[in-house]
mmCIF file of all heavy atoms, coordinates in Angstrom:
data_MODEL
# 
_entry.id   MODEL 
# 
loop_
_atom_site.group_PDB 
_atom_site.id 
_atom_site.type_symbol 
_atom_site.label_atom_id 
_atom_site.label_alt_id 
_atom_site.label_comp_id 
_atom_site.label_asym_id 
_atom_site.label_entity_id 
_atom_site.label_seq_id 
_atom_site.pdbx_PDB_ins_code 
_atom_site.Cartn_x 
_atom_site.Cartn_y 
_atom_site.Cartn_z 
_atom_site.occupancy 
_atom_site.B_iso_or_equiv 
_atom_site.pdbx_formal_charge 
_atom_site.auth_seq_id 
_atom_site.auth_comp_id 
_atom_site.auth_asym_id 
_atom_site.auth_atom_id 
_atom_site.pdbx_PDB_model_num 
ATOM 1   N N   . PHE A 1 1  ? 0.832  -1.168 -0.006 1.00 0.00 ? 1  PHE A N   1 
ATOM 2   C CA  . PHE A 1 1  ? 0.012  -0.080 0.043  1.00 0.00 ? 1  PHE A CA  1 
ATOM 3   C C   . PHE A 1 1  ? 0.829  1.287  0.032  1.00 0.00 ? 1  PHE A C   1 
ATOM 4   O O   . PHE A 1 1  ? 0.634  2.183  -0.805 1.00 0.00 ? 1  PHE A O   1 
ATOM 5   C CB  . PHE A 1 1  ? -0.923 -0.022 1.167  1.00 0.00 ? 1  PHE A CB  1 
ATOM 6   C CG  . PHE A 1 1  ? -1.640 1.301  1.520  1.00 0.00 ? 1  PHE A CG  1 
ATOM 7   C CD1 . PHE A 1 1  ? -2.813 1.531  0.683  1.00 0.00 ? 1  PHE A CD1 1 
ATOM 8   C CD2 . PHE A 1 1  ? -1.283 2.175  2.432  1.00 0.00 ? 1  PHE A CD2 1 
ATOM 9   C CE1 . PHE A 1 1  ? -3.532 2.716  0.959  1.00 0.00 ? 1  PHE A CE1 1 
ATOM 10  C CE2 . PHE A 1 1  ? -1.937 3.389  2.621  1.00 0.00 ? 1  PHE A CE2 1 
ATOM 11  C CZ  . PHE A 1 1  ? -3.143 3.629  1.874  1.00 0.00 ? 1  PHE A CZ  1 
ATOM 12  N N   . ILE A 1 2  ? 1.885  1.244  0.779  1.00 0.00 ? 2  ILE A N   1 
ATOM 13  C CA  . ILE A 1 2  ? 2.732  2.474  0.937  1.00 0.00 ? 2  ILE A CA  1 
ATOM 14  C C   . ILE A 1 2  ? 3.484  2.685  -0.465 1.00 0.00 ? 2  ILE A C   1 
ATOM 15  O O   . ILE A 1 2  ? 3.728  3.752  -0.859 1.00 0.00 ? 2  ILE A O   1 
ATOM 16  C CB  . ILE A 1 2  ? 3.690  2.302  2.027  1.00 0.00 ? 2  ILE A CB  1 
ATOM 17  C CG1 . ILE A 1 2  ? 3.058  2.294  3.454  1.00 0.00 ? 2  ILE A CG1 1 
ATOM 18  C CG2 . ILE A 1 2  ? 4.937  3.357  2.042  1.00 0.00 ? 2  ILE A CG2 1 
ATOM 19  C CD1 . ILE A 1 2  ? 3.812  1.919  4.600  1.00 0.00 ? 2  ILE A CD1 1 
ATOM 20  N N   . ASN A 1 3  ? 3.965  1.554  -1.118 1.00 0.00 ? 3  ASN A N   1 
ATOM 21  C CA  . ASN A 1 3  ? 4.766  1.718  -2.276 1.00 0.00 ? 3  ASN A CA  1 
ATOM 22  C C   . ASN A 1 3  ? 3.823  2.149  -3.441 1.00 0.00 ? 3  ASN A C   1 
ATOM 23  O O   . ASN A 1 3  ? 4.314  3.031  -4.194 1.00 0.00 ? 3  ASN A O   1 
ATOM 24  C CB  . ASN A 1 3  ? 5.282  0.283  -2.726 1.00 0.00 ? 3  ASN A CB  1 
ATOM 25  C CG  . ASN A 1 3  ? 6.347  -0.216 -1.801 1.00 0.00 ? 3  ASN A CG  1 
ATOM 26  O OD1 . ASN A 1 3  ? 7.105  0.648  -1.245 1.00 0.00 ? 3  ASN A OD1 1 
ATOM 27  N ND2 . ASN A 1 3  ? 6.514  -1.473 -1.687 1.00 0.00 ? 3  ASN A ND2 1 
ATOM 28  N N   . ARG A 1 4  ? 2.652  1.789  -3.440 1.00 0.00 ? 4  ARG A N   1 
ATOM 29  C CA  . ARG A 1 4  ? 1.605  2.247  -4.450 1.00 0.00 ? 4  ARG A CA  1 
ATOM 30  C C   . ARG A 1 4  ? 1.245  3.696  -4.141 1.00 0.00 ? 4  ARG A C   1 
ATOM 31  O O   . ARG A 1 4  ? 1.057  4.441  -5.189 1.00 0.00 ? 4  ARG A O   1 
ATOM 32  C CB  . ARG A 1 4  ? 0.392  1.305  -4.494 1.00 0.00 ? 4  ARG A CB  1 
ATOM 33  C CG  . ARG A 1 4  ? 0.505  0.060  -5.188 1.00 0.00 ? 4  ARG A CG  1 
ATOM 34  C CD  . ARG A 1 4  ? -0.702 -0.771 -5.151 1.00 0.00 ? 4  ARG A CD  1 
ATOM 35  N NE  . ARG A 1 4  ? -1.120 -1.288 -3.951 1.00 0.00 ? 4  ARG A NE  1 
ATOM 36  C CZ  . ARG A 1 4  ? -2.319 -1.172 -3.488 1.00 0.00 ? 4  ARG A CZ  1 
ATOM 37  N NH1 . ARG A 1 4  ? -3.301 -0.582 -4.087 1.00 0.00 ? 4  ARG A NH1 1 
ATOM 38  N NH2 . ARG A 1 4  ? -2.651 -1.704 -2.243 1.00 0.00 ? 4  ARG A NH2 1 
ATOM 39  N N   . LEU A 1 5  ? 1.212  4.082  -3.001 1.00 0.00 ? 5  LEU A N   1 
ATOM 40  C CA  . LEU A 1 5  ? 1.040  5.548  -2.642 1.00 0.00 ? 5  LEU A CA  1 
ATOM 41  C C   . LEU A 1 5  ? 2.160  6.386  -3.240 1.00 0.00 ? 5  LEU A C   1 
ATOM 42  O O   . LEU A 1 5  ? 1.951  7.420  -3.856 1.00 0.00 ? 5  LEU A O   1 
ATOM 43  C CB  . LEU A 1 5  ? 0.901  5.734  -1.188 1.00 0.00 ? 5  LEU A CB  1 
ATOM 44  C CG  . LEU A 1 5  ? -0.489 5.604  -0.542 1.00 0.00 ? 5  LEU A CG  1 
ATOM 45  C CD1 . LEU A 1 5  ? -0.368 5.901  1.034  1.00 0.00 ? 5  LEU A CD1 1 
ATOM 46  C CD2 . LEU A 1 5  ? -1.411 6.596  -1.200 1.00 0.00 ? 5  LEU A CD2 1 
ATOM 47  N N   . ASN A 1 6  ? 3.400  5.867  -3.041 1.00 0.00 ? 6  ASN A N   1 
ATOM 48  C CA  . ASN A 1 6  ? 4.535  6.686  -3.570 1.00 0.00 ? 6  ASN A CA  1 
ATOM 49  C C   . ASN A 1 6  ? 4.521  6.797  -5.053 1.00 0.00 ? 6  ASN A C   1 
ATOM 50  O O   . ASN A 1 6  ? 4.828  7.853  -5.571 1.00 0.00 ? 6  ASN A O   1 
ATOM 51  C CB  . ASN A 1 6  ? 5.814  5.984  -3.012 1.00 0.00 ? 6  ASN A CB  1 
ATOM 52  C CG  . ASN A 1 6  ? 5.995  6.094  -1.630 1.00 0.00 ? 6  ASN A CG  1 
ATOM 53  O OD1 . ASN A 1 6  ? 5.635  7.073  -0.877 1.00 0.00 ? 6  ASN A OD1 1 
ATOM 54  N ND2 . ASN A 1 6  ? 6.820  5.239  -0.947 1.00 0.00 ? 6  ASN A ND2 1 
ATOM 55  N N   . LYS A 1 7  ? 4.150  5.729  -5.686 1.00 0.00 ? 7  LYS A N   1 
ATOM 56  C CA  . LYS A 1 7  ? 4.014  5.670  -7.132 1.00 0.00 ? 7  LYS A CA  1 
ATOM 57  C C   . LYS A 1 7  ? 2.969  6.706  -7.720 1.00 0.00 ? 7  LYS A C   1 
ATOM 58  O O   . LYS A 1 7  ? 3.031  7.192  -8.702 1.00 0.00 ? 7  LYS A O   1 
ATOM 59  C CB  . LYS A 1 7  ? 3.868  4.248  -7.707 1.00 0.00 ? 7  LYS A CB  1 
ATOM 60  C CG  . LYS A 1 7  ? 5.025  3.419  -7.520 1.00 0.00 ? 7  LYS A CG  1 
ATOM 61  C CD  . LYS A 1 7  ? 4.670  1.971  -8.050 1.00 0.00 ? 7  LYS A CD  1 
ATOM 62  C CE  . LYS A 1 7  ? 5.926  1.044  -7.835 1.00 0.00 ? 7  LYS A CE  1 
ATOM 63  N NZ  . LYS A 1 7  ? 5.687  -0.309 -8.356 1.00 0.00 ? 7  LYS A NZ  1 
ATOM 64  N N   . ALA A 1 8  ? 1.857  6.838  -6.805 1.00 0.00 ? 8  ALA A N   1 
ATOM 65  C CA  . ALA A 1 8  ? 0.838  7.681  -7.221 1.00 0.00 ? 8  ALA A CA  1 
ATOM 66  C C   . ALA A 1 8  ? 1.045  9.233  -6.858 1.00 0.00 ? 8  ALA A C   1 
ATOM 67  O O   . ALA A 1 8  ? 0.243  10.109 -7.066 1.00 0.00 ? 8  ALA A O   1 
ATOM 68  C CB  . ALA A 1 8  ? -0.429 7.280  -6.350 1.00 0.00 ? 8  ALA A CB  1 
ATOM 69  N N   . GLY A 1 9  ? 2.349  9.393  -6.263 1.00 0.00 ? 9  GLY A N   1 
ATOM 70  C CA  . GLY A 1 9  ? 2.636  10.799 -6.078 1.00 0.00 ? 9  GLY A CA  1 
ATOM 71  C C   . GLY A 1 9  ? 2.567  11.299 -4.623 1.00 0.00 ? 9  GLY A C   1 
ATOM 72  O O   . GLY A 1 9  ? 2.675  12.506 -4.277 1.00 0.00 ? 9  GLY A O   1 
ATOM 73  N N   . ILE A 1 10 ? 2.187  10.417 -3.704 1.00 0.00 ? 10 ILE A N   1 
ATOM 74  C CA  . ILE A 1 10 ? 2.060  10.757 -2.344 1.00 0.00 ? 10 ILE A CA  1 
ATOM 75  C C   . ILE A 1 10 ? 3.226  10.190 -1.530 1.00 0.00 ? 10 ILE A C   1 
ATOM 76  O O   . ILE A 1 10 ? 3.286  9.011  -1.352 1.00 0.00 ? 10 ILE A O   1 
ATOM 77  C CB  . ILE A 1 10 ? 0.730  10.174 -1.686 1.00 0.00 ? 10 ILE A CB  1 
ATOM 78  C CG1 . ILE A 1 10 ? -0.498 10.754 -2.412 1.00 0.00 ? 10 ILE A CG1 1 
ATOM 79  C CG2 . ILE A 1 10 ? 0.618  10.493 -0.206 1.00 0.00 ? 10 ILE A CG2 1 
ATOM 80  C CD1 . ILE A 1 10 ? -0.699 12.217 -2.431 1.00 0.00 ? 10 ILE A CD1 1 
ATOM 81  N N   . LYS A 1 11 ? 4.160  11.002 -1.132 1.00 0.00 ? 11 LYS A N   1 
ATOM 82  C CA  . LYS A 1 11 ? 5.279  10.623 -0.435 1.00 0.00 ? 11 LYS A CA  1 
ATOM 83  C C   . LYS A 1 11 ? 5.119  10.625 1.052  1.00 0.00 ? 11 LYS A C   1 
ATOM 84  O O   . LYS A 1 11 ? 4.949  11.700 1.623  1.00 0.00 ? 11 LYS A O   1 
ATOM 85  C CB  . LYS A 1 11 ? 6.564  11.576 -0.812 1.00 0.00 ? 11 LYS A CB  1 
ATOM 86  C CG  . LYS A 1 11 ? 6.826  11.597 -2.377 1.00 0.00 ? 11 LYS A CG  1 
ATOM 87  C CD  . LYS A 1 11 ? 7.200  10.309 -2.864 1.00 0.00 ? 11 LYS A CD  1 
ATOM 88  C CE  . LYS A 1 11 ? 7.518  10.486 -4.368 1.00 0.00 ? 11 LYS A CE  1 
ATOM 89  N NZ  . LYS A 1 11 ? 7.862  9.108  -5.020 1.00 0.00 ? 11 LYS A NZ  1 
ATOM 90  N N   . THR A 1 12 ? 4.870  9.443  1.628  1.00 0.00 ? 12 THR A N   1 
ATOM 91  C CA  . THR A 1 12 ? 4.527  9.418  3.097  1.00 0.00 ? 12 THR A CA  1 
ATOM 92  C C   . THR A 1 12 ? 5.755  9.717  4.032  1.00 0.00 ? 12 THR A C   1 
ATOM 93  O O   . THR A 1 12 ? 6.826  9.153  3.644  1.00 0.00 ? 12 THR A O   1 
ATOM 94  C CB  . THR A 1 12 ? 3.801  8.058  3.437  1.00 0.00 ? 12 THR A CB  1 
ATOM 95  O OG1 . THR A 1 12 ? 4.724  7.018  2.978  1.00 0.00 ? 12 THR A OG1 1 
ATOM 96  C CG2 . THR A 1 12 ? 2.506  8.032  2.815  1.00 0.00 ? 12 THR A CG2 1 
ATOM 97  N N   . SER A 1 13 ? 5.543  10.354 5.072  1.00 0.00 ? 13 SER A N   1 
ATOM 98  C CA  . SER A 1 13 ? 6.666  10.471 6.048  1.00 0.00 ? 13 SER A CA  1 
ATOM 99  C C   . SER A 1 13 ? 6.900  9.210  6.805  1.00 0.00 ? 13 SER A C   1 
ATOM 100 O O   . SER A 1 13 ? 6.160  8.277  6.788  1.00 0.00 ? 13 SER A O   1 
ATOM 101 C CB  . SER A 1 13 ? 6.257  11.596 7.063  1.00 0.00 ? 13 SER A CB  1 
ATOM 102 O OG  . SER A 1 13 ? 5.176  11.150 7.839  1.00 0.00 ? 13 SER A OG  1 
ATOM 103 N N   . LYS A 1 14 ? 8.018  9.166  7.409  1.00 0.00 ? 14 LYS A N   1 
ATOM 104 C CA  . LYS A 1 14 ? 8.385  8.021  8.186  1.00 0.00 ? 14 LYS A CA  1 
ATOM 105 C C   . LYS A 1 14 ? 7.363  7.789  9.372  1.00 0.00 ? 14 LYS A C   1 
ATOM 106 O O   . LYS A 1 14 ? 7.134  6.584  9.676  1.00 0.00 ? 14 LYS A O   1 
ATOM 107 C CB  . LYS A 1 14 ? 9.875  8.197  8.771  1.00 0.00 ? 14 LYS A CB  1 
ATOM 108 C CG  . LYS A 1 14 ? 10.935 8.043  7.717  1.00 0.00 ? 14 LYS A CG  1 
ATOM 109 C CD  . LYS A 1 14 ? 12.247 8.225  8.365  1.00 0.00 ? 14 LYS A CD  1 
ATOM 110 C CE  . LYS A 1 14 ? 13.521 8.077  7.316  1.00 0.00 ? 14 LYS A CE  1 
ATOM 111 N NZ  . LYS A 1 14 ? 14.785 8.091  7.917  1.00 0.00 ? 14 LYS A NZ  1 
ATOM 112 N N   . THR A 1 15 ? 6.901  8.868  9.959  1.00 0.00 ? 15 THR A N   1 
ATOM 113 C CA  . THR A 1 15 ? 5.976  8.751  11.057 1.00 0.00 ? 15 THR A CA  1 
ATOM 114 C C   . THR A 1 15 ? 4.638  8.120  10.569 1.00 0.00 ? 15 THR A C   1 
ATOM 115 O O   . THR A 1 15 ? 4.047  7.278  11.199 1.00 0.00 ? 15 THR A O   1 
ATOM 116 C CB  . THR A 1 15 ? 5.670  10.136 11.611 1.00 0.00 ? 15 THR A CB  1 
ATOM 117 O OG1 . THR A 1 15 ? 6.759  10.729 12.097 1.00 0.00 ? 15 THR A OG1 1 
ATOM 118 C CG2 . THR A 1 15 ? 4.693  9.987  12.818 1.00 0.00 ? 15 THR A CG2 1 
ATOM 119 N N   . THR A 1 16 ? 4.193  8.563  9.405  1.00 0.00 ? 16 THR A N   1 
ATOM 120 C CA  . THR A 1 16 ? 2.927  7.988  8.712  1.00 0.00 ? 16 THR A CA  1 
ATOM 121 C C   . THR A 1 16 ? 3.176  6.519  8.425  1.00 0.00 ? 16 THR A C   1 
ATOM 122 O O   . THR A 1 16 ? 2.315  5.702  8.671  1.00 0.00 ? 16 THR A O   1 
ATOM 123 C CB  . THR A 1 16 ? 2.541  8.776  7.533  1.00 0.00 ? 16 THR A CB  1 
ATOM 124 O OG1 . THR A 1 16 ? 2.378  10.112 7.875  1.00 0.00 ? 16 THR A OG1 1 
ATOM 125 C CG2 . THR A 1 16 ? 1.332  8.259  6.940  1.00 0.00 ? 16 THR A CG2 1 
ATOM 126 N N   . GLN A 1 17 ? 4.395  6.190  7.786  1.00 0.00 ? 17 GLN A N   1 
ATOM 127 C CA  . GLN A 1 17 ? 4.647  4.836  7.447  1.00 0.00 ? 17 GLN A CA  1 
ATOM 128 C C   . GLN A 1 17 ? 4.607  3.860  8.732  1.00 0.00 ? 17 GLN A C   1 
ATOM 129 O O   . GLN A 1 17 ? 4.096  2.752  8.636  1.00 0.00 ? 17 GLN A O   1 
ATOM 130 C CB  . GLN A 1 17 ? 6.027  4.702  6.725  1.00 0.00 ? 17 GLN A CB  1 
ATOM 131 C CG  . GLN A 1 17 ? 5.953  5.383  5.382  1.00 0.00 ? 17 GLN A CG  1 
ATOM 132 C CD  . GLN A 1 17 ? 7.294  5.238  4.672  1.00 0.00 ? 17 GLN A CD  1 
ATOM 133 O OE1 . GLN A 1 17 ? 8.116  4.375  5.033  1.00 0.00 ? 17 GLN A OE1 1 
ATOM 134 N NE2 . GLN A 1 17 ? 7.606  6.080  3.707  1.00 0.00 ? 17 GLN A NE2 1 
ATOM 135 N N   . THR A 1 18 ? 5.108  4.409  9.698  1.00 0.00 ? 18 THR A N   1 
ATOM 136 C CA  . THR A 1 18 ? 5.220  3.670  11.021 1.00 0.00 ? 18 THR A CA  1 
ATOM 137 C C   . THR A 1 18 ? 3.878  3.340  11.501 1.00 0.00 ? 18 THR A C   1 
ATOM 138 O O   . THR A 1 18 ? 3.578  2.188  11.815 1.00 0.00 ? 18 THR A O   1 
ATOM 139 C CB  . THR A 1 18 ? 6.075  4.434  12.018 1.00 0.00 ? 18 THR A CB  1 
ATOM 140 O OG1 . THR A 1 18 ? 7.429  4.524  11.521 1.00 0.00 ? 18 THR A OG1 1 
ATOM 141 C CG2 . THR A 1 18 ? 6.145  3.562  13.331 1.00 0.00 ? 18 THR A CG2 1 
ATOM 142 N N   . ARG A 1 19 ? 2.959  4.403  11.532 1.00 0.00 ? 19 ARG A N   1 
ATOM 143 C CA  . ARG A 1 19 ? 1.746  4.140  11.986 1.00 0.00 ? 19 ARG A CA  1 
ATOM 144 C C   . ARG A 1 19 ? 0.869  3.178  11.130 1.00 0.00 ? 19 ARG A C   1 
ATOM 145 O O   . ARG A 1 19 ? 0.006  2.434  11.689 1.00 0.00 ? 19 ARG A O   1 
ATOM 146 C CB  . ARG A 1 19 ? 0.925  5.606  12.032 1.00 0.00 ? 19 ARG A CB  1 
ATOM 147 C CG  . ARG A 1 19 ? 1.388  6.549  13.031 1.00 0.00 ? 19 ARG A CG  1 
ATOM 148 C CD  . ARG A 1 19 ? 0.553  7.708  13.193 1.00 0.00 ? 19 ARG A CD  1 
ATOM 149 N NE  . ARG A 1 19 ? -0.720 7.207  13.767 1.00 0.00 ? 19 ARG A NE  1 
ATOM 150 C CZ  . ARG A 1 19 ? -1.960 7.935  13.703 1.00 0.00 ? 19 ARG A CZ  1 
ATOM 151 N NH1 . ARG A 1 19 ? -1.942 9.086  13.045 1.00 0.00 ? 19 ARG A NH1 1 
ATOM 152 N NH2 . ARG A 1 19 ? -2.994 7.356  14.280 1.00 0.00 ? 19 ARG A NH2 1 
ATOM 153 N N   . ILE A 1 20 ? 0.987  3.270  9.755  1.00 0.00 ? 20 ILE A N   1 
ATOM 154 C CA  . ILE A 1 20 ? 0.428  2.263  8.924  1.00 0.00 ? 20 ILE A CA  1 
ATOM 155 C C   . ILE A 1 20 ? 0.891  0.920  9.204  1.00 0.00 ? 20 ILE A C   1 
ATOM 156 O O   . ILE A 1 20 ? 0.136  -0.054 9.329  1.00 0.00 ? 20 ILE A O   1 
ATOM 157 C CB  . ILE A 1 20 ? 0.546  2.693  7.436  1.00 0.00 ? 20 ILE A CB  1 
ATOM 158 C CG1 . ILE A 1 20 ? -0.099 4.056  7.057  1.00 0.00 ? 20 ILE A CG1 1 
ATOM 159 C CG2 . ILE A 1 20 ? 0.024  1.590  6.549  1.00 0.00 ? 20 ILE A CG2 1 
ATOM 160 C CD1 . ILE A 1 20 ? 0.187  4.547  5.767  1.00 0.00 ? 20 ILE A CD1 1 
ATOM 161 N N   . LEU A 1 21 ? 2.187  0.672  9.341  1.00 0.00 ? 21 LEU A N   1 
ATOM 162 C CA  . LEU A 1 21 ? 2.786  -0.639 9.465  1.00 0.00 ? 21 LEU A CA  1 
ATOM 163 C C   . LEU A 1 21 ? 2.457  -1.174 10.834 1.00 0.00 ? 21 LEU A C   1 
ATOM 164 O O   . LEU A 1 21 ? 2.286  -2.403 11.055 1.00 0.00 ? 21 LEU A O   1 
ATOM 165 C CB  . LEU A 1 21 ? 4.279  -0.589 9.321  1.00 0.00 ? 21 LEU A CB  1 
ATOM 166 C CG  . LEU A 1 21 ? 4.763  -0.236 7.877  1.00 0.00 ? 21 LEU A CG  1 
ATOM 167 C CD1 . LEU A 1 21 ? 6.299  -0.013 7.936  1.00 0.00 ? 21 LEU A CD1 1 
ATOM 168 C CD2 . LEU A 1 21 ? 4.421  -1.335 6.968  1.00 0.00 ? 21 LEU A CD2 1 
ATOM 169 N N   . LYS A 1 22 ? 2.198  -0.354 11.865 1.00 0.00 ? 22 LYS A N   1 
ATOM 170 C CA  . LYS A 1 22 ? 1.906  -0.848 13.258 1.00 0.00 ? 22 LYS A CA  1 
ATOM 171 C C   . LYS A 1 22 ? 0.453  -1.076 13.469 1.00 0.00 ? 22 LYS A C   1 
ATOM 172 O O   . LYS A 1 22 ? -0.032 -1.333 14.505 1.00 0.00 ? 22 LYS A O   1 
ATOM 173 C CB  . LYS A 1 22 ? 2.544  0.076  14.245 1.00 0.00 ? 22 LYS A CB  1 
ATOM 174 C CG  . LYS A 1 22 ? 4.028  -0.061 14.372 1.00 0.00 ? 22 LYS A CG  1 
ATOM 175 C CD  . LYS A 1 22 ? 4.491  0.841  15.503 1.00 0.00 ? 22 LYS A CD  1 
ATOM 176 C CE  . LYS A 1 22 ? 5.986  0.701  15.740 1.00 0.00 ? 22 LYS A CE  1 
ATOM 177 N NZ  . LYS A 1 22 ? 6.409  1.440  17.022 1.00 0.00 ? 22 LYS A NZ  1 
ATOM 178 N N   . ASN A 1 23 ? -0.380 -0.927 12.417 1.00 0.00 ? 23 ASN A N   1 
ATOM 179 C CA  . ASN A 1 23 ? -1.823 -1.072 12.417 1.00 0.00 ? 23 ASN A CA  1 
ATOM 180 C C   . ASN A 1 23 ? -2.435 -0.279 13.532 1.00 0.00 ? 23 ASN A C   1 
ATOM 181 O O   . ASN A 1 23 ? -3.088 -0.785 14.481 1.00 0.00 ? 23 ASN A O   1 
ATOM 182 C CB  . ASN A 1 23 ? -1.985 -2.642 12.618 1.00 0.00 ? 23 ASN A CB  1 
ATOM 183 C CG  . ASN A 1 23 ? -3.580 -2.905 12.531 1.00 0.00 ? 23 ASN A CG  1 
ATOM 184 O OD1 . ASN A 1 23 ? -4.323 -2.170 11.968 1.00 0.00 ? 23 ASN A OD1 1 
ATOM 185 N ND2 . ASN A 1 23 ? -3.949 -4.093 13.032 1.00 0.00 ? 23 ASN A ND2 1 
ATOM 186 N N   . GLU A 1 24 ? -2.305 1.096  13.423 1.00 0.00 ? 24 GLU A N   1 
ATOM 187 C CA  . GLU A 1 24 ? -2.909 1.978  14.385 1.00 0.00 ? 24 GLU A CA  1 
ATOM 188 C C   . GLU A 1 24 ? -4.232 2.482  14.086 1.00 0.00 ? 24 GLU A C   1 
ATOM 189 O O   . GLU A 1 24 ? -4.548 3.575  14.498 1.00 0.00 ? 24 GLU A O   1 
ATOM 190 C CB  . GLU A 1 24 ? -1.911 3.188  14.563 1.00 0.00 ? 24 GLU A CB  1 
ATOM 191 C CG  . GLU A 1 24 ? -0.649 2.726  15.313 1.00 0.00 ? 24 GLU A CG  1 
ATOM 192 C CD  . GLU A 1 24 ? 0.209  3.918  15.843 1.00 0.00 ? 24 GLU A CD  1 
ATOM 193 O OE1 . GLU A 1 24 ? -0.358 4.943  16.076 1.00 0.00 ? 24 GLU A OE1 1 
ATOM 194 O OE2 . GLU A 1 24 ? 1.425  3.686  16.051 1.00 0.00 ? 24 GLU A OE2 1 
# 
């Protein structure tokens, strides 16, 4: 999901990536 977001032009921050990966 994060990789597809980056390809779509949305560069997520490390904090956002961590929250997504930790299922928050």
